[in-house]
Amino acid sequence: MVSLFDFGILESISWLFPMILIFAVVYAVLVYKNIIQSLTLAAAIAFSVAFIFLLTPGLLEVIRVIVPWYALTLVIMLMLMMVYSFAGVEKYSGQYANYNVSLQDTIRFTMVAVFIIILIAGLAKVYLGSGEFLSQREGTLEAGELSFWSTLLHPSVIGFFVLMVIAFFTVLLLAKKEGID
């Protein structure tokens, strides 16, 4: 008997949702930033990029891993912004201590930093999660190249890069001058 929550048909078209998402994001960036003036050409480029993602199973899996985390992060950020607004913090006029940083800039940099961390974590989960990334290619890699990738993908080195990204955004926020974007 078929139940109301039978999602079997969604499994057969699960490739469509990441493709639509990638198409929408690439098209929105191309149109919003005026990179390409022609909407038809922007749609063709966005469709091509989405199709390339479709042909790369690893990238599709990365999209499937990171999208729920992005959605959760957006919900948490919206909740924090609501708490700020309930507390009386104005949207565009917050000044922190002696720094010329508005609340809008802080939220923007925080979201970018969190999105970069989620992207790195998603890539690490897909390509390093099972430990098969390097072991599948051991026969094709030379010893020096294998040790290079093993060193680069070591958890301490990845943690160092994450700390450097956090430090970059911290320095960027603290060194921001008034009137310079």
N, C-alpha and C. Protein backbone atom coordinates (compact mmCIF):
# COMPACT_ATOMS: atom_id res chain seq x y z
N MET A 1 0.83 -1.18 0.00
CA MET A 1 0.00 0.00 0.00
C MET A 1 0.88 1.25 0.00
N VAL A 2 0.52 2.22 -0.77
CA VAL A 2 1.28 3.46 -0.88
C VAL A 2 0.88 4.37 0.27
N SER A 3 1.90 4.87 0.96
CA SER A 3 1.61 5.78 2.07
C SER A 3 1.78 7.23 1.60
N LEU A 4 1.38 8.13 2.47
CA LEU A 4 1.48 9.55 2.17
C LEU A 4 2.93 10.00 2.09
N PHE A 5 3.80 9.34 2.83
CA PHE A 5 5.21 9.73 2.90
C PHE A 5 6.10 8.82 2.08
N ASP A 6 5.65 8.37 0.95
CA ASP A 6 6.44 7.51 0.08
C ASP A 6 7.28 8.42 -0.84
N PHE A 7 8.57 8.50 -0.55
CA PHE A 7 9.46 9.37 -1.31
C PHE A 7 10.30 8.59 -2.31
N GLY A 8 9.86 7.44 -2.72
CA GLY A 8 10.63 6.61 -3.65
C GLY A 8 10.87 7.28 -4.99
N ILE A 9 9.89 8.05 -5.45
CA ILE A 9 10.05 8.71 -6.74
C ILE A 9 11.09 9.82 -6.67
N LEU A 10 11.28 10.40 -5.49
CA LEU A 10 12.28 11.46 -5.35
C LEU A 10 13.69 10.93 -5.51
N GLU A 11 13.92 9.67 -5.18
CA GLU A 11 15.25 9.09 -5.35
C GLU A 11 15.65 9.03 -6.82
N SER A 12 14.69 8.83 -7.70
CA SER A 12 15.02 8.72 -9.12
C SER A 12 15.30 10.08 -9.76
N ILE A 13 14.84 11.16 -9.14
CA ILE A 13 15.12 12.49 -9.69
C ILE A 13 15.95 13.33 -8.73
N SER A 14 16.68 12.71 -7.83
CA SER A 14 17.46 13.46 -6.84
C SER A 14 18.60 14.25 -7.48
N TRP A 15 19.00 13.92 -8.67
CA TRP A 15 20.04 14.67 -9.37
C TRP A 15 19.54 16.03 -9.82
N LEU A 16 18.22 16.19 -9.93
CA LEU A 16 17.65 17.42 -10.47
C LEU A 16 17.76 18.59 -9.49
N PHE A 17 17.61 18.33 -8.19
CA PHE A 17 17.60 19.41 -7.22
C PHE A 17 18.95 20.12 -7.11
N PRO A 18 20.07 19.42 -7.00
CA PRO A 18 21.36 20.15 -7.00
C PRO A 18 21.61 20.89 -8.32
N MET A 19 21.16 20.32 -9.42
CA MET A 19 21.36 20.99 -10.71
C MET A 19 20.57 22.30 -10.76
N ILE A 20 19.33 22.29 -10.27
CA ILE A 20 18.53 23.52 -10.25
C ILE A 20 19.16 24.54 -9.31
N LEU A 21 19.65 24.08 -8.16
CA LEU A 21 20.29 24.99 -7.21
C LEU A 21 21.53 25.64 -7.82
N ILE A 22 22.37 24.85 -8.45
CA ILE A 22 23.60 25.40 -9.05
C ILE A 22 23.25 26.34 -10.19
N PHE A 23 22.27 25.98 -11.00
CA PHE A 23 21.84 26.86 -12.08
C PHE A 23 21.36 28.20 -11.51
N ALA A 24 20.55 28.15 -10.46
CA ALA A 24 19.99 29.37 -9.89
C ALA A 24 21.08 30.25 -9.28
N VAL A 25 22.02 29.64 -8.57
CA VAL A 25 23.08 30.42 -7.93
C VAL A 25 23.99 31.06 -8.98
N VAL A 26 24.42 30.30 -9.97
CA VAL A 26 25.32 30.85 -10.99
C VAL A 26 24.60 31.92 -11.81
N TYR A 27 23.36 31.68 -12.17
CA TYR A 27 22.59 32.67 -12.93
C TYR A 27 22.39 33.95 -12.12
N ALA A 28 22.08 33.80 -10.83
CA ALA A 28 21.88 34.98 -9.99
C ALA A 28 23.16 35.80 -9.85
N VAL A 29 24.29 35.13 -9.70
CA VAL A 29 25.56 35.85 -9.59
C VAL A 29 25.88 36.57 -10.89
N LEU A 30 25.70 35.89 -12.02
CA LEU A 30 26.00 36.51 -13.31
C LEU A 30 25.11 37.71 -13.59
N VAL A 31 23.84 37.62 -13.24
CA VAL A 31 22.91 38.73 -13.51
C VAL A 31 23.08 39.85 -12.49
N TYR A 32 23.21 39.50 -11.20
CA TYR A 32 23.29 40.51 -10.15
C TYR A 32 24.57 41.34 -10.25
N LYS A 33 25.67 40.71 -10.55
CA LYS A 33 26.96 41.41 -10.63
C LYS A 33 27.20 42.02 -12.01
N ASN A 34 26.26 41.87 -12.94
CA ASN A 34 26.38 42.38 -14.31
C ASN A 34 27.65 41.91 -15.00
N ILE A 35 28.00 40.66 -14.78
CA ILE A 35 29.17 40.09 -15.42
C ILE A 35 28.89 39.90 -16.90
N ILE A 36 27.69 39.45 -17.20
CA ILE A 36 27.27 39.24 -18.59
C ILE A 36 25.97 40.01 -18.78
N GLN A 37 25.91 40.83 -19.82
CA GLN A 37 24.74 41.68 -20.04
C GLN A 37 23.55 40.90 -20.60
N SER A 38 23.80 39.92 -21.44
CA SER A 38 22.74 39.15 -22.07
C SER A 38 22.19 38.10 -21.11
N LEU A 39 20.89 38.15 -20.85
CA LEU A 39 20.27 37.18 -19.95
C LEU A 39 20.28 35.78 -20.54
N THR A 40 20.16 35.69 -21.86
CA THR A 40 20.18 34.38 -22.52
C THR A 40 21.55 33.74 -22.39
N LEU A 41 22.59 34.53 -22.60
CA LEU A 41 23.95 34.00 -22.47
C LEU A 41 24.24 33.62 -21.02
N ALA A 42 23.75 34.42 -20.07
CA ALA A 42 23.94 34.10 -18.66
C ALA A 42 23.24 32.79 -18.31
N ALA A 43 22.04 32.58 -18.85
CA ALA A 43 21.33 31.33 -18.60
C ALA A 43 22.06 30.15 -19.23
N ALA A 44 22.62 30.34 -20.42
CA ALA A 44 23.36 29.25 -21.08
C ALA A 44 24.61 28.89 -20.29
N ILE A 45 25.32 29.90 -19.79
CA ILE A 45 26.52 29.64 -18.98
C ILE A 45 26.14 28.95 -17.67
N ALA A 46 25.08 29.42 -17.04
CA ALA A 46 24.63 28.80 -15.79
C ALA A 46 24.20 27.35 -16.01
N PHE A 47 23.52 27.09 -17.12
CA PHE A 47 23.12 25.71 -17.42
C PHE A 47 24.35 24.85 -17.69
N SER A 48 25.35 25.39 -18.37
CA SER A 48 26.58 24.63 -18.65
C SER A 48 27.31 24.28 -17.36
N VAL A 49 27.41 25.24 -16.44
CA VAL A 49 28.08 24.98 -15.17
C VAL A 49 27.29 23.94 -14.37
N ALA A 50 25.97 24.05 -14.36
CA ALA A 50 25.15 23.08 -13.65
C ALA A 50 25.29 21.68 -14.26
N PHE A 51 25.39 21.61 -15.58
CA PHE A 51 25.56 20.32 -16.25
C PHE A 51 26.93 19.72 -15.94
N ILE A 52 27.96 20.56 -15.84
CA ILE A 52 29.29 20.08 -15.48
C ILE A 52 29.27 19.52 -14.06
N PHE A 53 28.58 20.21 -13.15
CA PHE A 53 28.43 19.69 -11.79
C PHE A 53 27.69 18.37 -11.81
N LEU A 54 26.70 18.24 -12.68
CA LEU A 54 25.91 17.01 -12.76
C LEU A 54 26.78 15.83 -13.20
N LEU A 55 27.75 16.09 -14.05
CA LEU A 55 28.61 15.02 -14.55
C LEU A 55 29.73 14.65 -13.57
N THR A 56 29.88 15.42 -12.50
CA THR A 56 30.91 15.15 -11.51
C THR A 56 30.25 14.67 -10.22
N PRO A 57 30.23 13.37 -9.98
CA PRO A 57 29.50 12.85 -8.81
C PRO A 57 30.03 13.37 -7.48
N GLY A 58 31.34 13.59 -7.39
CA GLY A 58 31.90 14.09 -6.14
C GLY A 58 31.39 15.47 -5.79
N LEU A 59 31.30 16.34 -6.80
CA LEU A 59 30.80 17.69 -6.55
C LEU A 59 29.31 17.68 -6.20
N LEU A 60 28.55 16.78 -6.83
CA LEU A 60 27.14 16.65 -6.46
C LEU A 60 27.00 16.21 -5.01
N GLU A 61 27.85 15.31 -4.59
CA GLU A 61 27.80 14.85 -3.20
C GLU A 61 28.19 15.97 -2.24
N VAL A 62 29.15 16.80 -2.64
CA VAL A 62 29.52 17.96 -1.81
C VAL A 62 28.32 18.89 -1.65
N ILE A 63 27.60 19.13 -2.75
CA ILE A 63 26.40 19.98 -2.69
C ILE A 63 25.36 19.36 -1.76
N ARG A 64 25.17 18.05 -1.85
CA ARG A 64 24.19 17.38 -0.99
C ARG A 64 24.58 17.45 0.48
N VAL A 65 25.88 17.49 0.75
CA VAL A 65 26.34 17.55 2.14
C VAL A 65 26.23 18.96 2.70
N ILE A 66 26.60 19.98 1.92
CA ILE A 66 26.69 21.32 2.48
C ILE A 66 25.38 22.10 2.47
N VAL A 67 24.45 21.78 1.60
CA VAL A 67 23.21 22.56 1.52
C VAL A 67 22.42 22.52 2.83
N PRO A 68 22.24 21.38 3.49
CA PRO A 68 21.52 21.43 4.78
C PRO A 68 22.23 22.27 5.83
N TRP A 69 23.57 22.25 5.81
CA TRP A 69 24.32 23.06 6.77
C TRP A 69 24.17 24.55 6.46
N TYR A 70 24.16 24.90 5.18
CA TYR A 70 23.93 26.30 4.80
C TYR A 70 22.53 26.74 5.23
N ALA A 71 21.55 25.90 5.03
CA ALA A 71 20.19 26.25 5.43
C ALA A 71 20.10 26.45 6.95
N LEU A 72 20.71 25.56 7.70
CA LEU A 72 20.71 25.69 9.16
C LEU A 72 21.44 26.97 9.58
N THR A 73 22.55 27.28 8.94
CA THR A 73 23.29 28.50 9.27
C THR A 73 22.47 29.74 8.97
N LEU A 74 21.77 29.74 7.84
CA LEU A 74 20.94 30.90 7.51
C LEU A 74 19.82 31.09 8.52
N VAL A 75 19.21 30.00 8.96
CA VAL A 75 18.15 30.09 9.97
C VAL A 75 18.71 30.64 11.28
N ILE A 76 19.87 30.16 11.69
CA ILE A 76 20.48 30.66 12.93
C ILE A 76 20.85 32.13 12.80
N MET A 77 21.40 32.53 11.65
CA MET A 77 21.75 33.95 11.44
C MET A 77 20.49 34.82 11.47
N LEU A 78 19.42 34.36 10.85
CA LEU A 78 18.17 35.14 10.89
C LEU A 78 17.64 35.25 12.31
N MET A 79 17.73 34.18 13.07
CA MET A 79 17.30 34.23 14.46
C MET A 79 18.15 35.22 15.27
N LEU A 80 19.47 35.21 15.04
CA LEU A 80 20.34 36.16 15.74
C LEU A 80 20.02 37.60 15.35
N MET A 81 19.74 37.83 14.07
CA MET A 81 19.38 39.18 13.64
C MET A 81 18.06 39.61 14.27
N MET A 82 17.13 38.68 14.43
CA MET A 82 15.86 39.01 15.09
C MET A 82 16.10 39.34 16.56
N VAL A 83 16.98 38.60 17.22
CA VAL A 83 17.30 38.88 18.62
C VAL A 83 17.94 40.26 18.73
N TYR A 84 18.87 40.58 17.80
CA TYR A 84 19.49 41.91 17.81
C TYR A 84 18.44 43.00 17.62
N SER A 85 17.51 42.78 16.70
CA SER A 85 16.50 43.82 16.47
C SER A 85 15.55 43.95 17.65
N PHE A 86 15.23 42.85 18.33
CA PHE A 86 14.39 42.92 19.51
C PHE A 86 15.11 43.64 20.65
N ALA A 87 16.45 43.53 20.66
CA ALA A 87 17.24 44.18 21.71
C ALA A 87 17.46 45.65 21.42
N GLY A 88 17.06 46.12 20.26
CA GLY A 88 17.16 47.55 19.96
C GLY A 88 18.36 47.94 19.12
N VAL A 89 19.12 46.99 18.63
CA VAL A 89 20.25 47.31 17.77
C VAL A 89 19.72 47.66 16.40
N GLU A 90 20.10 48.83 15.89
CA GLU A 90 19.60 49.26 14.59
C GLU A 90 20.36 48.54 13.48
N LYS A 91 19.71 48.49 12.35
CA LYS A 91 20.20 47.67 11.24
C LYS A 91 21.55 48.13 10.69
N TYR A 92 21.70 49.40 10.43
CA TYR A 92 22.90 49.86 9.73
C TYR A 92 23.76 50.79 10.55
N SER A 93 23.47 50.99 11.81
CA SER A 93 24.19 52.03 12.53
C SER A 93 24.88 51.53 13.79
N GLY A 94 25.32 50.33 13.85
CA GLY A 94 26.01 49.84 15.03
C GLY A 94 27.49 50.14 14.98
N GLN A 95 28.04 50.62 16.06
CA GLN A 95 29.48 50.84 16.16
C GLN A 95 29.95 50.07 17.39
N TYR A 96 30.95 49.23 17.22
CA TYR A 96 31.45 48.42 18.31
C TYR A 96 32.65 49.10 18.95
N ALA A 97 32.56 49.42 20.22
CA ALA A 97 33.65 50.01 21.00
C ALA A 97 34.32 51.13 20.22
N ASN A 98 35.58 50.96 19.89
CA ASN A 98 36.32 52.00 19.17
C ASN A 98 36.52 51.65 17.70
N TYR A 99 35.83 50.65 17.21
CA TYR A 99 36.03 50.20 15.83
C TYR A 99 34.93 50.76 14.94
N ASN A 100 35.28 51.10 13.73
CA ASN A 100 34.32 51.62 12.77
C ASN A 100 33.74 50.49 11.95
N VAL A 101 33.07 49.57 12.59
CA VAL A 101 32.52 48.41 11.92
C VAL A 101 31.02 48.37 12.22
N SER A 102 30.22 48.33 11.20
CA SER A 102 28.78 48.29 11.41
C SER A 102 28.32 46.86 11.62
N LEU A 103 27.11 46.73 12.12
CA LEU A 103 26.54 45.40 12.35
C LEU A 103 26.37 44.66 11.04
N GLN A 104 26.02 45.37 9.98
CA GLN A 104 25.85 44.75 8.66
C GLN A 104 27.17 44.13 8.17
N ASP A 105 28.28 44.84 8.34
CA ASP A 105 29.58 44.30 7.94
C ASP A 105 29.95 43.08 8.76
N THR A 106 29.65 43.14 10.04
CA THR A 106 29.97 42.01 10.92
C THR A 106 29.18 40.77 10.50
N ILE A 107 27.91 40.94 10.22
CA ILE A 107 27.09 39.81 9.80
C ILE A 107 27.57 39.27 8.46
N ARG A 108 27.92 40.16 7.54
CA ARG A 108 28.38 39.74 6.22
C ARG A 108 29.68 38.92 6.34
N PHE A 109 30.65 39.43 7.10
CA PHE A 109 31.91 38.71 7.22
C PHE A 109 31.75 37.40 8.00
N THR A 110 30.89 37.41 8.99
CA THR A 110 30.65 36.18 9.74
C THR A 110 30.02 35.12 8.84
N MET A 111 29.05 35.52 8.02
CA MET A 111 28.41 34.55 7.13
C MET A 111 29.40 34.01 6.10
N VAL A 112 30.23 34.88 5.55
CA VAL A 112 31.22 34.42 4.57
C VAL A 112 32.20 33.45 5.23
N ALA A 113 32.67 33.78 6.43
CA ALA A 113 33.61 32.90 7.12
C ALA A 113 32.97 31.55 7.45
N VAL A 114 31.73 31.57 7.93
CA VAL A 114 31.04 30.31 8.24
C VAL A 114 30.80 29.50 6.97
N PHE A 115 30.43 30.15 5.88
CA PHE A 115 30.21 29.44 4.61
C PHE A 115 31.50 28.82 4.10
N ILE A 116 32.63 29.50 4.25
CA ILE A 116 33.91 28.93 3.82
C ILE A 116 34.24 27.71 4.67
N ILE A 117 34.00 27.81 5.97
CA ILE A 117 34.28 26.67 6.85
C ILE A 117 33.38 25.48 6.50
N ILE A 118 32.10 25.75 6.22
CA ILE A 118 31.18 24.67 5.83
C ILE A 118 31.62 24.04 4.51
N LEU A 119 32.06 24.86 3.56
CA LEU A 119 32.54 24.33 2.28
C LEU A 119 33.76 23.45 2.46
N ILE A 120 34.70 23.89 3.28
CA ILE A 120 35.90 23.08 3.53
C ILE A 120 35.52 21.78 4.23
N ALA A 121 34.61 21.85 5.19
CA ALA A 121 34.18 20.64 5.89
C ALA A 121 33.45 19.69 4.95
N GLY A 122 32.62 20.23 4.05
CA GLY A 122 31.92 19.38 3.08
C GLY A 122 32.87 18.71 2.11
N LEU A 123 33.85 19.47 1.62
CA LEU A 123 34.86 18.87 0.73
C LEU A 123 35.65 17.79 1.46
N ALA A 124 36.01 18.06 2.72
CA ALA A 124 36.76 17.06 3.49
C ALA A 124 35.93 15.82 3.74
N LYS A 125 34.64 15.99 4.01
CA LYS A 125 33.79 14.82 4.28
C LYS A 125 33.63 13.96 3.04
N VAL A 126 33.44 14.59 1.90
CA VAL A 126 33.22 13.81 0.68
C VAL A 126 34.51 13.16 0.21
N TYR A 127 35.58 13.91 0.16
CA TYR A 127 36.82 13.39 -0.43
C TYR A 127 37.74 12.72 0.57
N LEU A 128 37.59 13.00 1.87
CA LEU A 128 38.47 12.41 2.86
C LEU A 128 37.72 11.58 3.90
N GLY A 129 36.40 11.62 3.88
CA GLY A 129 35.60 10.98 4.91
C GLY A 129 35.81 9.49 5.03
N SER A 130 35.94 8.81 3.90
CA SER A 130 36.11 7.36 3.95
C SER A 130 37.57 6.95 3.93
N GLY A 131 38.46 7.90 3.74
CA GLY A 131 39.87 7.59 3.68
C GLY A 131 40.30 6.95 2.38
N GLU A 132 39.44 6.96 1.36
CA GLU A 132 39.75 6.30 0.10
C GLU A 132 40.34 7.24 -0.94
N PHE A 133 40.40 8.53 -0.62
CA PHE A 133 40.87 9.50 -1.61
C PHE A 133 42.31 9.20 -2.03
N LEU A 134 43.19 9.00 -1.06
CA LEU A 134 44.58 8.73 -1.40
C LEU A 134 44.85 7.25 -1.61
N SER A 135 44.13 6.38 -0.89
CA SER A 135 44.41 4.96 -1.00
C SER A 135 44.00 4.41 -2.36
N GLN A 136 43.00 5.02 -3.02
CA GLN A 136 42.62 4.56 -4.35
C GLN A 136 43.67 4.90 -5.38
N ARG A 137 44.43 5.96 -5.14
CA ARG A 137 45.37 6.44 -6.13
C ARG A 137 46.81 6.10 -5.79
N GLU A 138 47.04 5.31 -4.76
CA GLU A 138 48.41 5.04 -4.34
C GLU A 138 49.27 4.46 -5.44
N GLY A 139 48.70 3.61 -6.27
CA GLY A 139 49.49 3.01 -7.34
C GLY A 139 49.86 4.00 -8.43
N THR A 140 49.10 5.06 -8.59
CA THR A 140 49.36 6.03 -9.64
C THR A 140 50.20 7.20 -9.17
N LEU A 141 50.38 7.37 -7.85
CA LEU A 141 51.14 8.49 -7.33
C LEU A 141 52.55 8.07 -6.98
N GLU A 142 53.48 8.97 -7.18
CA GLU A 142 54.85 8.72 -6.74
C GLU A 142 54.93 8.98 -5.25
N ALA A 143 56.01 8.53 -4.63
CA ALA A 143 56.13 8.65 -3.18
C ALA A 143 56.13 10.10 -2.73
N GLY A 144 56.80 10.98 -3.45
CA GLY A 144 56.85 12.39 -3.07
C GLY A 144 55.49 13.05 -3.17
N GLU A 145 54.76 12.74 -4.24
CA GLU A 145 53.44 13.34 -4.42
C GLU A 145 52.46 12.83 -3.37
N LEU A 146 52.55 11.55 -3.04
CA LEU A 146 51.67 10.98 -2.03
C LEU A 146 51.95 11.61 -0.66
N SER A 147 53.23 11.81 -0.32
CA SER A 147 53.54 12.43 0.97
C SER A 147 53.13 13.90 0.98
N PHE A 148 53.21 14.57 -0.17
CA PHE A 148 52.75 15.96 -0.24
C PHE A 148 51.27 16.05 0.09
N TRP A 149 50.44 15.20 -0.54
CA TRP A 149 49.00 15.23 -0.29
C TRP A 149 48.68 14.79 1.13
N SER A 150 49.42 13.81 1.64
CA SER A 150 49.19 13.37 3.02
C SER A 150 49.50 14.48 4.01
N THR A 151 50.55 15.25 3.74
CA THR A 151 50.90 16.38 4.61
C THR A 151 49.87 17.49 4.49
N LEU A 152 49.48 17.82 3.27
CA LEU A 152 48.53 18.91 3.04
C LEU A 152 47.16 18.60 3.64
N LEU A 153 46.75 17.35 3.63
CA LEU A 153 45.43 16.97 4.11
C LEU A 153 45.44 16.46 5.56
N HIS A 154 46.55 16.64 6.25
CA HIS A 154 46.63 16.25 7.65
C HIS A 154 45.71 17.17 8.47
N PRO A 155 45.02 16.64 9.48
CA PRO A 155 44.09 17.47 10.25
C PRO A 155 44.73 18.71 10.88
N SER A 156 45.98 18.63 11.28
CA SER A 156 46.64 19.81 11.85
C SER A 156 46.81 20.91 10.81
N VAL A 157 47.16 20.54 9.60
CA VAL A 157 47.35 21.52 8.54
C VAL A 157 46.00 22.13 8.14
N ILE A 158 44.97 21.31 8.03
CA ILE A 158 43.63 21.82 7.71
C ILE A 158 43.15 22.75 8.82
N GLY A 159 43.39 22.40 10.08
CA GLY A 159 43.05 23.28 11.19
C GLY A 159 43.80 24.60 11.14
N PHE A 160 45.07 24.55 10.74
CA PHE A 160 45.84 25.77 10.57
C PHE A 160 45.22 26.67 9.51
N PHE A 161 44.79 26.10 8.38
CA PHE A 161 44.17 26.90 7.33
C PHE A 161 42.85 27.51 7.80
N VAL A 162 42.08 26.77 8.57
CA VAL A 162 40.83 27.30 9.11
C VAL A 162 41.11 28.47 10.06
N LEU A 163 42.14 28.32 10.92
CA LEU A 163 42.51 29.41 11.81
C LEU A 163 43.00 30.63 11.03
N MET A 164 43.70 30.41 9.92
CA MET A 164 44.16 31.53 9.10
C MET A 164 42.99 32.26 8.46
N VAL A 165 41.96 31.52 8.05
CA VAL A 165 40.76 32.17 7.49
C VAL A 165 40.08 33.01 8.57
N ILE A 166 39.97 32.48 9.78
CA ILE A 166 39.38 33.24 10.88
C ILE A 166 40.23 34.48 11.18
N ALA A 167 41.55 34.33 11.21
CA ALA A 167 42.42 35.47 11.45
C ALA A 167 42.31 36.51 10.35
N PHE A 168 42.18 36.06 9.11
CA PHE A 168 42.03 36.98 7.98
C PHE A 168 40.80 37.86 8.16
N PHE A 169 39.67 37.25 8.49
CA PHE A 169 38.45 38.02 8.65
C PHE A 169 38.51 38.90 9.90
N THR A 170 39.20 38.45 10.94
CA THR A 170 39.36 39.27 12.13
C THR A 170 40.16 40.53 11.82
N VAL A 171 41.29 40.36 11.15
CA VAL A 171 42.12 41.51 10.78
C VAL A 171 41.37 42.42 9.81
N LEU A 172 40.62 41.83 8.90
CA LEU A 172 39.85 42.63 7.94
C LEU A 172 38.82 43.48 8.65
N LEU A 173 38.16 42.93 9.65
CA LEU A 173 37.16 43.70 10.39
C LEU A 173 37.81 44.76 11.28
N LEU A 174 38.92 44.42 11.93
CA LEU A 174 39.54 45.37 12.85
C LEU A 174 40.26 46.49 12.12
N ALA A 175 40.75 46.24 10.92
CA ALA A 175 41.52 47.24 10.19
C ALA A 175 40.66 48.07 9.25
N LYS A 176 39.37 47.84 9.27
CA LYS A 176 38.49 48.56 8.35
C LYS A 176 38.44 50.04 8.69
N LYS A 177 38.69 50.85 7.69
CA LYS A 177 38.64 52.30 7.87
C LYS A 177 37.25 52.80 7.48
N GLU A 178 36.86 53.88 8.06
CA GLU A 178 35.56 54.45 7.75
C GLU A 178 35.55 54.99 6.32
N GLY A 179 34.54 54.59 5.55
CA GLY A 179 34.41 55.06 4.18
C GLY A 179 35.09 54.19 3.15
N ILE A 180 35.83 53.18 3.57
CA ILE A 180 36.50 52.27 2.64
C ILE A 180 35.79 50.93 2.70
N ASP A 181 35.37 50.41 1.57
CA ASP A 181 34.70 49.10 1.54
C ASP A 181 35.60 48.06 0.99
